[in-house]
Amino acid sequence: FDKLKLTNNLLDDNGHIILNSMHRYQPRFHVVFVDPRRDSERFAHQ
């Protein structure tokens, strides 16, 4: 994830991750299966 950037600019329009300075954070990583079923949103949690 070398393109990911962190910013403290609340008005950022570059899609960067907005964080508050002097606050602690835990990065989370998510793997999402692209479900080809038409009603896939029903299964989003799975």
All heavy atoms as atom14 arrays in JSON, in Angstrom:
{
  "sequence": "FDKLKLTNNLLDDNGHIILNSMHRYQPRFHVVFVDPRRDSERFAHQ",
  "atom14_mask": [
    [1, 1, 1, 1, 1, 1, 1, 1, 1, 1, 1, 0, 0, 0],
    [1, 1, 1, 1, 1, 1, 1, 1, 0, 0, 0, 0, 0, 0],
    [1, 1, 1, 1, 1, 1, 1, 1, 1, 0, 0, 0, 0, 0],
    [1, 1, 1, 1, 1, 1, 1, 1, 0, 0, 0, 0, 0, 0],
    [1, 1, 1, 1, 1, 1, 1, 1, 1, 0, 0, 0, 0, 0],
    [1, 1, 1, 1, 1, 1, 1, 1, 0, 0, 0, 0, 0, 0],
    [1, 1, 1, 1, 1, 1, 1, 0, 0, 0, 0, 0, 0, 0],
    [1, 1, 1, 1, 1, 1, 1, 1, 0, 0, 0, 0, 0, 0],
    [1, 1, 1, 1, 1, 1, 1, 1, 0, 0, 0, 0, 0, 0],
    [1, 1, 1, 1, 1, 1, 1, 1, 0, 0, 0, 0, 0, 0],
    [1, 1, 1, 1, 1, 1, 1, 1, 0, 0, 0, 0, 0, 0],
    [1, 1, 1, 1, 1, 1, 1, 1, 0, 0, 0, 0, 0, 0],
    [1, 1, 1, 1, 1, 1, 1, 1, 0, 0, 0, 0, 0, 0],
    [1, 1, 1, 1, 1, 1, 1, 1, 0, 0, 0, 0, 0, 0],
    [1, 1, 1, 1, 0, 0, 0, 0, 0, 0, 0, 0, 0, 0],
    [1, 1, 1, 1, 1, 1, 1, 1, 1, 1, 0, 0, 0, 0],
    [1, 1, 1, 1, 1, 1, 1, 1, 0, 0, 0, 0, 0, 0],
    [1, 1, 1, 1, 1, 1, 1, 1, 0, 0, 0, 0, 0, 0],
    [1, 1, 1, 1, 1, 1, 1, 1, 0, 0, 0, 0, 0, 0],
    [1, 1, 1, 1, 1, 1, 1, 1, 0, 0, 0, 0, 0, 0],
    [1, 1, 1, 1, 1, 1, 0, 0, 0, 0, 0, 0, 0, 0],
    [1, 1, 1, 1, 1, 1, 1, 1, 0, 0, 0, 0, 0, 0],
    [1, 1, 1, 1, 1, 1, 1, 1, 1, 1, 0, 0, 0, 0],
    [1, 1, 1, 1, 1, 1, 1, 1, 1, 1, 1, 0, 0, 0],
    [1, 1, 1, 1, 1, 1, 1, 1, 1, 1, 1, 1, 0, 0],
    [1, 1, 1, 1, 1, 1, 1, 1, 1, 0, 0, 0, 0, 0],
    [1, 1, 1, 1, 1, 1, 1, 0, 0, 0, 0, 0, 0, 0],
    [1, 1, 1, 1, 1, 1, 1, 1, 1, 1, 1, 0, 0, 0],
    [1, 1, 1, 1, 1, 1, 1, 1, 1, 1, 1, 0, 0, 0],
    [1, 1, 1, 1, 1, 1, 1, 1, 1, 1, 0, 0, 0, 0],
    [1, 1, 1, 1, 1, 1, 1, 0, 0, 0, 0, 0, 0, 0],
    [1, 1, 1, 1, 1, 1, 1, 0, 0, 0, 0, 0, 0, 0],
    [1, 1, 1, 1, 1, 1, 1, 1, 1, 1, 1, 0, 0, 0],
    [1, 1, 1, 1, 1, 1, 1, 0, 0, 0, 0, 0, 0, 0],
    [1, 1, 1, 1, 1, 1, 1, 1, 0, 0, 0, 0, 0, 0],
    [1, 1, 1, 1, 1, 1, 1, 0, 0, 0, 0, 0, 0, 0],
    [1, 1, 1, 1, 1, 1, 1, 1, 1, 1, 1, 0, 0, 0],
    [1, 1, 1, 1, 1, 1, 1, 1, 1, 1, 1, 0, 0, 0],
    [1, 1, 1, 1, 1, 1, 1, 1, 0, 0, 0, 0, 0, 0],
    [1, 1, 1, 1, 1, 1, 0, 0, 0, 0, 0, 0, 0, 0],
    [1, 1, 1, 1, 1, 1, 1, 1, 1, 0, 0, 0, 0, 0],
    [1, 1, 1, 1, 1, 1, 1, 1, 1, 1, 1, 0, 0, 0],
    [1, 1, 1, 1, 1, 1, 1, 1, 1, 1, 1, 0, 0, 0],
    [1, 1, 1, 1, 1, 0, 0, 0, 0, 0, 0, 0, 0, 0],
    [1, 1, 1, 1, 1, 1, 1, 1, 1, 1, 0, 0, 0, 0],
    [1, 1, 1, 1, 1, 1, 1, 1, 1, 0, 0, 0, 0, 0]
  ],
  "atom14_positions": [
    [[0.84, -1.2, 0.0], [0.0, 0.0, 0.0], [0.88, 1.25, 0.0], [0.74, 2.14, 0.85], [-0.94, -0.02, 1.2], [-2.12, -0.93, 1.01], [-2.03, -2.29, 1.31], [-3.32, -0.45, 0.51], [-3.11, -3.14, 1.12], [-4.42, -1.3, 0.32], [-4.3, -2.65, 0.62], [0.0, 0.0, 0.0], [0.0, 0.0, 0.0], [0.0, 0.0, 0.0]],
    [[1.8, 1.3, -0.97], [2.77, 2.4, -0.99], [2.21, 3.7, -1.57], [2.86, 4.73, -1.51], [4.04, 1.99, -1.73], [3.76, 1.41, -3.1], [2.57, 1.31, -3.49], [4.72, 1.04, -3.8], [0.0, 0.0, 0.0], [0.0, 0.0, 0.0], [0.0, 0.0, 0.0], [0.0, 0.0, 0.0], [0.0, 0.0, 0.0], [0.0, 0.0, 0.0]],
    [[1.0, 3.66, -2.14], [0.39, 4.89, -2.66], [-0.46, 5.59, -1.61], [-0.87, 6.74, -1.8], [-0.5, 4.56, -3.87], [0.19, 3.85, -5.02], [0.95, 4.84, -5.89], [1.4, 4.21, -7.21], [2.45, 3.19, -7.0], [0.0, 0.0, 0.0], [0.0, 0.0, 0.0], [0.0, 0.0, 0.0], [0.0, 0.0, 0.0], [0.0, 0.0, 0.0]],
    [[-0.73, 4.91, -0.51], [-1.6, 5.46, 0.52], [-0.92, 6.64, 1.21], [0.26, 6.58, 1.56], [-1.9, 4.35, 1.53], [-2.9, 4.59, 2.66], [-3.46, 3.26, 3.12], [-2.29, 5.32, 3.83], [0.0, 0.0, 0.0], [0.0, 0.0, 0.0], [0.0, 0.0, 0.0], [0.0, 0.0, 0.0], [0.0, 0.0, 0.0], [0.0, 0.0, 0.0]],
    [[-1.67, 7.73, 1.38], [-1.12, 8.91, 2.06], [-2.03, 9.34, 3.21], [-3.25, 9.22, 3.13], [-0.94, 10.08, 1.08], [0.19, 9.85, 0.09], [0.44, 11.09, -0.75], [1.63, 10.89, -1.68], [1.9, 12.1, -2.48], [0.0, 0.0, 0.0], [0.0, 0.0, 0.0], [0.0, 0.0, 0.0], [0.0, 0.0, 0.0], [0.0, 0.0, 0.0]],
    [[-1.38, 9.86, 4.26], [-2.09, 10.33, 5.45], [-2.08, 11.85, 5.46], [-1.05, 12.48, 5.23], [-1.39, 9.82, 6.71], [-1.13, 8.3, 6.79], [-0.35, 7.98, 8.07], [-2.42, 7.52, 6.73], [0.0, 0.0, 0.0], [0.0, 0.0, 0.0], [0.0, 0.0, 0.0], [0.0, 0.0, 0.0], [0.0, 0.0, 0.0], [0.0, 0.0, 0.0]],
    [[-3.23, 12.44, 5.76], [-3.32, 13.9, 5.81], [-4.06, 14.33, 7.08], [-4.79, 13.54, 7.68], [-4.05, 14.46, 4.57], [-4.03, 15.89, 4.61], [-5.51, 14.02, 4.51], [0.0, 0.0, 0.0], [0.0, 0.0, 0.0], [0.0, 0.0, 0.0], [0.0, 0.0, 0.0], [0.0, 0.0, 0.0], [0.0, 0.0, 0.0], [0.0, 0.0, 0.0]],
    [[-3.85, 15.58, 7.48], [-4.64, 16.15, 8.57], [-5.55, 17.25, 8.04], [-6.12, 18.02, 8.8], [-3.73, 16.7, 9.68], [-2.76, 17.76, 9.17], [-2.61, 17.94, 7.95], [-2.11, 18.46, 10.07], [0.0, 0.0, 0.0], [0.0, 0.0, 0.0], [0.0, 0.0, 0.0], [0.0, 0.0, 0.0], [0.0, 0.0, 0.0], [0.0, 0.0, 0.0]],
    [[-5.69, 17.31, 6.71], [-6.54, 18.31, 6.07], [-7.97, 17.78, 5.98], [-8.26, 16.91, 5.16], [-5.99, 18.63, 4.67], [-6.86, 19.63, 3.93], [-7.76, 20.25, 4.51], [-6.61, 19.79, 2.64], [0.0, 0.0, 0.0], [0.0, 0.0, 0.0], [0.0, 0.0, 0.0], [0.0, 0.0, 0.0], [0.0, 0.0, 0.0], [0.0, 0.0, 0.0]],
    [[-8.85, 18.31, 6.82], [-10.23, 17.83, 6.85], [-10.95, 18.06, 5.53], [-11.95, 17.4, 5.24], [-11.0, 18.53, 7.99], [-10.53, 18.2, 9.42], [-11.23, 19.09, 10.43], [-10.77, 16.74, 9.73], [0.0, 0.0, 0.0], [0.0, 0.0, 0.0], [0.0, 0.0, 0.0], [0.0, 0.0, 0.0], [0.0, 0.0, 0.0], [0.0, 0.0, 0.0]],
    [[-10.46, 18.99, 4.73], [-11.1, 19.31, 3.45], [-10.39, 18.65, 2.28], [-10.62, 19.02, 1.12], [-11.14, 20.83, 3.25], [-11.83, 21.62, 4.37], [-11.72, 23.12, 4.13], [-13.28, 21.2, 4.51], [0.0, 0.0, 0.0], [0.0, 0.0, 0.0], [0.0, 0.0, 0.0], [0.0, 0.0, 0.0], [0.0, 0.0, 0.0], [0.0, 0.0, 0.0]],
    [[-9.53, 17.69, 2.56], [-8.76, 17.02, 1.5], [-9.68, 16.48, 0.42], [-10.68, 15.82, 0.7], [-7.95, 15.87, 2.11], [-7.27, 15.03, 1.04], [-6.22, 15.47, 0.54], [-7.8, 13.96, 0.69], [0.0, 0.0, 0.0], [0.0, 0.0, 0.0], [0.0, 0.0, 0.0], [0.0, 0.0, 0.0], [0.0, 0.0, 0.0], [0.0, 0.0, 0.0]],
    [[-9.33, 16.78, -0.85], [-10.12, 16.24, -1.96], [-9.28, 15.32, -2.86], [-9.62, 15.08, -4.01], [-10.77, 17.37, -2.78], [-9.74, 18.34, -3.34], [-8.52, 18.09, -3.16], [-10.15, 19.33, -3.97], [0.0, 0.0, 0.0], [0.0, 0.0, 0.0], [0.0, 0.0, 0.0], [0.0, 0.0, 0.0], [0.0, 0.0, 0.0], [0.0, 0.0, 0.0]],
    [[-8.18, 14.82, -2.29], [-7.32, 13.91, -3.05], [-7.55, 12.44, -2.7], [-6.86, 11.56, -3.2], [-5.84, 14.24, -2.79], [-5.49, 15.64, -3.27], [-5.69, 15.96, -4.44], [-4.99, 16.46, -2.37], [0.0, 0.0, 0.0], [0.0, 0.0, 0.0], [0.0, 0.0, 0.0], [0.0, 0.0, 0.0], [0.0, 0.0, 0.0], [0.0, 0.0, 0.0]],
    [[-8.51, 12.2, -1.81], [-8.79, 10.82, -1.43], [-7.84, 10.27, -0.39], [-7.82, 9.06, -0.13], [0.0, 0.0, 0.0], [0.0, 0.0, 0.0], [0.0, 0.0, 0.0], [0.0, 0.0, 0.0], [0.0, 0.0, 0.0], [0.0, 0.0, 0.0], [0.0, 0.0, 0.0], [0.0, 0.0, 0.0], [0.0, 0.0, 0.0], [0.0, 0.0, 0.0]],
    [[-7.01, 11.14, 0.22], [-6.08, 10.66, 1.24], [-6.85, 10.3, 2.52], [-7.96, 10.75, 2.75], [-5.03, 11.72, 1.58], [-4.2, 12.13, 0.41], [-3.9, 11.28, -0.63], [-3.57, 13.32, 0.11], [-3.14, 11.9, -1.5], [-2.93, 13.14, -1.09], [0.0, 0.0, 0.0], [0.0, 0.0, 0.0], [0.0, 0.0, 0.0], [0.0, 0.0, 0.0]],
    [[-6.22, 9.48, 3.36], [-6.8, 9.11, 4.65], [-6.64, 10.31, 5.6], [-5.53, 10.8, 5.8], [-6.09, 7.88, 5.23], [-6.3, 6.64, 4.33], [-6.55, 7.61, 6.66], [-7.7, 6.07, 4.34], [0.0, 0.0, 0.0], [0.0, 0.0, 0.0], [0.0, 0.0, 0.0], [0.0, 0.0, 0.0], [0.0, 0.0, 0.0], [0.0, 0.0, 0.0]],
    [[-7.75, 10.77, 6.17], [-7.73, 11.95, 7.04], [-7.66, 11.51, 8.5], [-8.51, 10.75, 8.97], [-8.99, 12.81, 6.83], [-9.11, 13.24, 5.36], [-8.97, 14.03, 7.75], [-10.4, 13.96, 5.03], [0.0, 0.0, 0.0], [0.0, 0.0, 0.0], [0.0, 0.0, 0.0], [0.0, 0.0, 0.0], [0.0, 0.0, 0.0], [0.0, 0.0, 0.0]],
    [[-6.62, 11.96, 9.2], [-6.43, 11.6, 10.61], [-6.22, 12.86, 11.45], [-5.75, 13.87, 10.94], [-5.2, 10.69, 10.77], [-5.17, 9.39, 9.96], [-3.85, 8.66, 10.2], [-6.36, 8.5, 10.3], [0.0, 0.0, 0.0], [0.0, 0.0, 0.0], [0.0, 0.0, 0.0], [0.0, 0.0, 0.0], [0.0, 0.0, 0.0], [0.0, 0.0, 0.0]],
    [[-6.56, 12.76, 12.71], [-6.28, 13.84, 13.65], [-4.88, 13.67, 14.22], [-4.53, 12.58, 14.7], [-7.29, 13.82, 14.81], [-8.65, 14.34, 14.41], [-8.76, 15.27, 13.62], [-9.7, 13.75, 14.96], [0.0, 0.0, 0.0], [0.0, 0.0, 0.0], [0.0, 0.0, 0.0], [0.0, 0.0, 0.0], [0.0, 0.0, 0.0], [0.0, 0.0, 0.0]],
    [[-4.09, 14.73, 14.19], [-2.77, 14.68, 14.79], [-2.89, 14.49, 16.3], [-3.85, 14.94, 16.92], [-2.03, 15.98, 14.47], [-0.75, 15.97, 15.08], [0.0, 0.0, 0.0], [0.0, 0.0, 0.0], [0.0, 0.0, 0.0], [0.0, 0.0, 0.0], [0.0, 0.0, 0.0], [0.0, 0.0, 0.0], [0.0, 0.0, 0.0], [0.0, 0.0, 0.0]],
    [[-1.91, 13.81, 16.88], [-1.85, 13.53, 18.32], [-2.97, 12.58, 18.77], [-3.42, 12.61, 19.91], [-1.88, 14.82, 19.16], [-0.8, 15.82, 18.77], [0.87, 15.13, 18.75], [1.66, 16.11, 20.01], [0.0, 0.0, 0.0], [0.0, 0.0, 0.0], [0.0, 0.0, 0.0], [0.0, 0.0, 0.0], [0.0, 0.0, 0.0], [0.0, 0.0, 0.0]],
    [[-3.4, 11.73, 17.85], [-4.37, 10.67, 18.16], [-3.77, 9.35, 17.7], [-2.98, 9.31, 16.76], [-5.7, 10.92, 17.44], [-6.46, 12.1, 17.96], [-5.95, 13.39, 17.92], [-7.7, 12.21, 18.5], [-6.85, 14.22, 18.44], [-7.92, 13.52, 18.8], [0.0, 0.0, 0.0], [0.0, 0.0, 0.0], [0.0, 0.0, 0.0], [0.0, 0.0, 0.0]],
    [[-4.19, 8.25, 18.36], [-3.64, 6.93, 18.05], [-4.58, 6.15, 17.14], [-5.8, 6.19, 17.31], [-3.41, 6.12, 19.34], [-2.35, 6.72, 20.25], [-2.17, 5.87, 21.49], [-1.59, 4.56, 21.15], [-1.86, 3.43, 21.78], [-2.74, 3.41, 22.76], [-1.27, 2.31, 21.43], [0.0, 0.0, 0.0], [0.0, 0.0, 0.0], [0.0, 0.0, 0.0]],
    [[-3.98, 5.42, 16.2], [-4.78, 4.7, 15.2], [-4.3, 3.27, 15.0], [-3.12, 2.96, 15.19], [-4.73, 5.43, 13.85], [-5.45, 6.76, 13.88], [-4.76, 7.93, 14.16], [-6.83, 6.83, 13.67], [-5.42, 9.16, 14.21], [-7.49, 8.04, 13.72], [-6.79, 9.2, 13.99], [-7.45, 10.4, 14.04], [0.0, 0.0, 0.0], [0.0, 0.0, 0.0]],
    [[-5.25, 2.43, 14.58], [-4.97, 1.05, 14.18], [-5.33, 0.88, 12.71], [-6.5, 1.01, 12.35], [-5.8, 0.06, 15.01], [-5.75, -1.38, 14.53], [-4.38, -2.01, 14.72], [-3.9, -2.13, 15.84], [-3.74, -2.4, 13.62], [0.0, 0.0, 0.0], [0.0, 0.0, 0.0], [0.0, 0.0, 0.0], [0.0, 0.0, 0.0], [0.0, 0.0, 0.0]],
    [[-4.34, 0.64, 11.84], [-4.66, 0.33, 10.45], [-5.38, -1.02, 10.36], [-5.06, -1.95, 11.11], [-3.29, 0.24, 9.77], [-2.32, 0.87, 10.71], [-2.89, 0.66, 12.08], [0.0, 0.0, 0.0], [0.0, 0.0, 0.0], [0.0, 0.0, 0.0], [0.0, 0.0, 0.0], [0.0, 0.0, 0.0], [0.0, 0.0, 0.0], [0.0, 0.0, 0.0]],
    [[-6.38, -1.1, 9.48], [-7.06, -2.37, 9.23], [-7.0, -2.68, 7.74], [-7.11, -1.78, 6.9], [-8.52, -2.32, 9.67], [-8.72, -2.22, 11.16], [-10.17, -2.44, 11.54], [-11.09, -1.55, 10.8], [-12.4, -1.54, 10.99], [-12.96, -2.34, 11.87], [-13.17, -0.7, 10.3], [0.0, 0.0, 0.0], [0.0, 0.0, 0.0], [0.0, 0.0, 0.0]],
    [[-6.86, -3.97, 7.44], [-6.74, -4.43, 6.06], [-7.92, -5.35, 5.77], [-8.25, -6.21, 6.58], [-5.4, -5.17, 5.91], [-5.27, -5.95, 4.64], [-5.27, -5.31, 3.4], [-5.14, -7.33, 4.67], [-5.16, -6.04, 2.23], [-5.01, -8.06, 3.5], [-5.02, -7.41, 2.28], [0.0, 0.0, 0.0], [0.0, 0.0, 0.0], [0.0, 0.0, 0.0]],
    [[-8.56, -5.14, 4.62], [-9.76, -5.89, 4.28], [-9.62, -6.56, 2.9], [-9.18, -5.92, 1.94], [-10.99, -4.97, 4.25], [-11.14, -4.12, 5.47], [-11.73, -4.56, 6.63], [-10.74, -2.84, 5.71], [-11.71, -3.59, 7.53], [-11.11, -2.54, 7.0], [0.0, 0.0, 0.0], [0.0, 0.0, 0.0], [0.0, 0.0, 0.0], [0.0, 0.0, 0.0]],
    [[-10.0, -7.83, 2.86], [-10.07, -8.59, 1.6], [-11.54, -8.76, 1.26], [-12.3, -9.31, 2.06], [-9.41, -9.98, 1.75], [-9.55, -10.79, 0.47], [-7.94, -9.84, 2.14], [0.0, 0.0, 0.0], [0.0, 0.0, 0.0], [0.0, 0.0, 0.0], [0.0, 0.0, 0.0], [0.0, 0.0, 0.0], [0.0, 0.0, 0.0], [0.0, 0.0, 0.0]],
    [[-11.96, -8.26, 0.1], [-13.38, -8.29, -0.28], [-13.56, -9.11, -1.55], [-12.97, -8.79, -2.6], [-13.94, -6.87, -0.5], [-15.44, -6.93, -0.8], [-13.67, -5.98, 0.71], [0.0, 0.0, 0.0], [0.0, 0.0, 0.0], [0.0, 0.0, 0.0], [0.0, 0.0, 0.0], [0.0, 0.0, 0.0], [0.0, 0.0, 0.0], [0.0, 0.0, 0.0]],
    [[-14.35, -10.17, -1.46], [-14.68, -11.0, -2.62], [-15.69, -10.25, -3.47], [-16.71, -9.78, -2.97], [-15.24, -12.35, -2.14], [-15.94, -13.14, -3.2], [-15.29, -13.52, -4.37], [-17.27, -13.52, -3.03], [-15.94, -14.25, -5.35], [-17.93, -14.25, -4.01], [-17.27, -14.62, -5.17], [0.0, 0.0, 0.0], [0.0, 0.0, 0.0], [0.0, 0.0, 0.0]],
    [[-15.4, -10.12, -4.77], [-16.33, -9.47, -5.7], [-17.37, -10.51, -6.1], [-17.13, -11.38, -6.92], [-15.6, -8.91, -6.93], [-16.59, -8.23, -7.86], [-14.5, -7.93, -6.51], [0.0, 0.0, 0.0], [0.0, 0.0, 0.0], [0.0, 0.0, 0.0], [0.0, 0.0, 0.0], [0.0, 0.0, 0.0], [0.0, 0.0, 0.0], [0.0, 0.0, 0.0]],
    [[-18.54, -10.41, -5.48], [-19.61, -11.41, -5.65], [-20.37, -11.14, -6.95], [-20.96, -10.07, -7.11], [-20.55, -11.31, -4.45], [-21.48, -12.49, -4.33], [-21.78, -13.12, -5.37], [-21.92, -12.79, -3.2], [0.0, 0.0, 0.0], [0.0, 0.0, 0.0], [0.0, 0.0, 0.0], [0.0, 0.0, 0.0], [0.0, 0.0, 0.0], [0.0, 0.0, 0.0]],
    [[-20.36, -12.1, -7.88], [-21.01, -11.85, -9.17], [-22.54, -11.97, -9.12], [-23.22, -11.62, -10.09], [-20.42, -12.94, -10.08], [-20.03, -14.05, -9.14], [-19.68, -13.4, -7.83], [0.0, 0.0, 0.0], [0.0, 0.0, 0.0], [0.0, 0.0, 0.0], [0.0, 0.0, 0.0], [0.0, 0.0, 0.0], [0.0, 0.0, 0.0], [0.0, 0.0, 0.0]],
    [[-23.09, -12.43, -7.99], [-24.55, -12.59, -7.92], [-25.26, -11.25, -8.01], [-24.77, -10.25, -7.51], [-24.94, -13.29, -6.6], [-24.52, -14.75, -6.54], [-24.82, -15.37, -5.2], [-23.92, -14.89, -4.15], [-23.86, -15.41, -2.93], [-24.65, -16.41, -2.6], [-23.01, -14.93, -2.04], [0.0, 0.0, 0.0], [0.0, 0.0, 0.0], [0.0, 0.0, 0.0]],
    [[-26.43, -11.25, -8.66], [-27.14, -9.99, -8.88], [-27.54, -9.33, -7.56], [-27.54, -8.11, -7.44], [-28.4, -10.24, -9.73], [-28.2, -9.84, -11.19], [-29.35, -9.06, -11.79], [-30.64, -9.7, -11.67], [-31.13, -10.56, -12.57], [-30.42, -10.9, -13.62], [-32.33, -11.08, -12.4], [0.0, 0.0, 0.0], [0.0, 0.0, 0.0], [0.0, 0.0, 0.0]],
    [[-27.89, -10.14, -6.56], [-28.31, -9.57, -5.27], [-27.17, -9.64, -4.26], [-27.37, -9.88, -3.07], [-29.54, -10.32, -4.74], [-29.31, -11.82, -4.62], [-28.28, -12.3, -5.16], [-30.13, -12.52, -3.99], [0.0, 0.0, 0.0], [0.0, 0.0, 0.0], [0.0, 0.0, 0.0], [0.0, 0.0, 0.0], [0.0, 0.0, 0.0], [0.0, 0.0, 0.0]],
    [[-25.96, -9.37, -4.76], [-24.75, -9.57, -3.93], [-24.75, -8.72, -2.67], [-24.15, -9.1, -1.66], [-23.5, -9.28, -4.75], [-23.49, -7.94, -5.18], [0.0, 0.0, 0.0], [0.0, 0.0, 0.0], [0.0, 0.0, 0.0], [0.0, 0.0, 0.0], [0.0, 0.0, 0.0], [0.0, 0.0, 0.0], [0.0, 0.0, 0.0], [0.0, 0.0, 0.0]],
    [[-25.43, -7.56, -2.7], [-25.39, -6.7, -1.5], [-26.03, -7.4, -0.3], [-25.72, -7.09, 0.85], [-26.04, -5.33, -1.75], [-27.51, -5.36, -2.1], [-27.76, -5.64, -3.59], [-26.79, -5.78, -4.34], [-28.95, -5.7, -3.97], [0.0, 0.0, 0.0], [0.0, 0.0, 0.0], [0.0, 0.0, 0.0], [0.0, 0.0, 0.0], [0.0, 0.0, 0.0]],
    [[-26.91, -8.36, -0.56], [-27.52, -9.12, 0.55], [-26.48, -9.94, 1.31], [-26.68, -10.29, 2.46], [-28.6, -10.07, 0.0], [-29.93, -9.41, -0.28], [-30.93, -10.42, -0.79], [-30.96, -11.65, 0.02], [-31.27, -12.86, -0.48], [-31.53, -13.0, -1.76], [-31.3, -13.91, 0.33], [0.0, 0.0, 0.0], [0.0, 0.0, 0.0], [0.0, 0.0, 0.0]],
    [[-25.38, -10.24, 0.62], [-24.36, -11.1, 1.22], [-23.08, -10.33, 1.58], [-22.06, -10.93, 1.88], [-24.0, -12.24, 0.25], [-25.2, -12.99, -0.24], [-25.73, -12.74, -1.5], [-25.82, -13.94, 0.56], [-26.84, -13.43, -1.95], [-26.94, -14.63, 0.12], [-27.46, -14.38, -1.14], [0.0, 0.0, 0.0], [0.0, 0.0, 0.0], [0.0, 0.0, 0.0]],
    [[-23.18, -9.0, 1.56], [-21.98, -8.17, 1.74], [-21.22, -8.54, 3.01], [-19.99, -8.61, 3.02], [-22.36, -6.69, 1.76], [0.0, 0.0, 0.0], [0.0, 0.0, 0.0], [0.0, 0.0, 0.0], [0.0, 0.0, 0.0], [0.0, 0.0, 0.0], [0.0, 0.0, 0.0], [0.0, 0.0, 0.0], [0.0, 0.0, 0.0], [0.0, 0.0, 0.0]],
    [[-21.95, -8.83, 4.1], [-21.3, -9.12, 5.39], [-20.54, -10.44, 5.35], [-19.68, -10.7, 6.19], [-22.34, -9.15, 6.51], [-23.4, -10.18, 6.32], [-24.38, -10.07, 5.37], [-23.62, -11.37, 6.96], [-25.18, -11.13, 5.44], [-24.73, -11.95, 6.38], [0.0, 0.0, 0.0], [0.0, 0.0, 0.0], [0.0, 0.0, 0.0], [0.0, 0.0, 0.0]],
    [[-20.86, -11.3, 4.37], [-20.18, -12.6, 4.27], [-18.98, -12.55, 3.33], [-18.19, -13.49, 3.29], [-21.15, -13.67, 3.73], [-22.39, -13.87, 4.57], [-23.37, -14.82, 3.9], [-23.1, -15.37, 2.83], [-24.52, -15.01, 4.53], [0.0, 0.0, 0.0], [0.0, 0.0, 0.0], [0.0, 0.0, 0.0], [0.0, 0.0, 0.0], [0.0, 0.0, 0.0]]
  ]
}
